[in-house]
Amino acid sequence: MLSIFALVVDDSAQFLKTVTPERAASAIWMAGGVLFLMKLGAWLRGRRTGLSAGHAPAERPAADRGRTVHRYGR
């Protein structure tokens, strides 16, 4: 696979020499930072607008005395 790549690319791949492990790591850190800031902004915006403010807590169903009397003896 590597030999086929070397034959196909030849001298036109000079730009690949600019890719170093340090630059790749920097690009990953920067992309992660940008994505984190975007996610944080979306979370803060959603928290500010109160997306969950319209939801009321669910009511617990009332126990049916007729069904529970025989189980608990009351």
Protein backbone atom coordinates (compact mmCIF):
# COMPACT_ATOMS: atom_id res chain seq x y z
CA MET A 1 0.00 0.00 0.00
CA LEU A 2 2.82 2.38 0.88
CA SER A 3 4.68 1.65 -2.35
CA ILE A 4 1.54 2.30 -4.43
CA PHE A 5 1.05 5.58 -2.57
CA ALA A 6 4.67 6.54 -3.24
CA LEU A 7 4.30 5.81 -6.97
CA VAL A 8 1.07 7.74 -7.30
CA VAL A 9 2.02 10.79 -5.27
CA ASP A 10 5.70 11.24 -6.23
CA ASP A 11 6.86 14.87 -5.91
CA SER A 12 3.43 16.42 -5.77
CA ALA A 13 3.18 15.63 -2.06
CA GLN A 14 5.62 18.27 -0.85
CA PHE A 15 2.89 19.79 1.29
CA LEU A 16 2.82 16.61 3.40
CA LYS A 17 6.22 17.56 4.81
CA THR A 18 4.60 20.49 6.59
CA VAL A 19 2.41 18.14 8.62
CA THR A 20 4.30 17.38 11.81
CA PRO A 21 3.12 15.68 15.00
CA GLU A 22 3.27 19.01 16.83
CA ARG A 23 1.10 20.75 14.25
CA ALA A 24 -1.38 17.88 14.19
CA ALA A 25 -1.62 17.95 18.00
CA SER A 26 -2.11 21.73 17.93
CA ALA A 27 -4.88 21.40 15.36
CA ILE A 28 -6.62 18.78 17.49
CA TRP A 29 -6.38 20.98 20.60
CA MET A 30 -7.71 24.01 18.74
CA ALA A 31 -10.61 22.08 17.21
CA GLY A 32 -11.46 20.66 20.63
CA GLY A 33 -11.36 24.11 22.21
CA VAL A 34 -13.61 25.60 19.55
CA LEU A 35 -16.10 22.74 19.83
CA PHE A 36 -16.09 23.04 23.63
CA LEU A 37 -16.83 26.77 23.44
CA MET A 38 -19.65 26.17 20.96
CA LYS A 39 -21.20 23.49 23.18
CA LEU A 40 -20.81 25.68 26.28
CA GLY A 41 -22.49 28.60 24.48
CA ALA A 42 -25.39 26.40 23.37
CA TRP A 43 -25.82 25.07 26.91
CA LEU A 44 -25.77 28.56 28.43
CA ARG A 45 -28.24 29.85 25.83
CA GLY A 46 -30.59 26.94 26.52
CA ARG A 47 -30.28 27.46 30.25
CA ARG A 48 -31.03 31.17 29.89
CA THR A 49 -34.13 30.65 27.76
CA GLY A 50 -35.46 28.05 30.17
CA LEU A 51 -36.12 25.18 27.83
CA SER A 52 -37.23 22.98 30.70
CA ALA A 53 -39.23 25.69 32.50
CA GLY A 54 -42.50 24.60 30.86
CA HIS A 55 -42.36 21.06 32.18
CA ALA A 56 -44.19 20.37 35.41
CA PRO A 57 -43.06 17.50 37.60
CA ALA A 58 -45.09 14.36 37.04
CA GLU A 59 -47.76 13.65 39.61
CA ARG A 60 -47.57 10.40 41.46
CA PRO A 61 -50.65 8.25 40.93
CA ALA A 62 -52.90 7.95 43.96
CA ALA A 63 -53.08 4.51 45.53
CA ASP A 64 -56.34 2.64 45.11
CA ARG A 65 -57.40 1.63 48.62
CA GLY A 66 -59.50 -1.22 47.33
CA ARG A 67 -56.51 -2.90 45.77
CA THR A 68 -53.97 -2.24 48.51
CA VAL A 69 -56.06 -3.12 51.59
CA HIS A 70 -55.70 -6.84 51.10
CA ARG A 71 -51.94 -6.54 50.69
CA TYR A 72 -51.18 -4.37 53.70
CA GLY A 73 -54.12 -5.22 55.96
CA ARG A 74 -55.41 -1.72 56.56
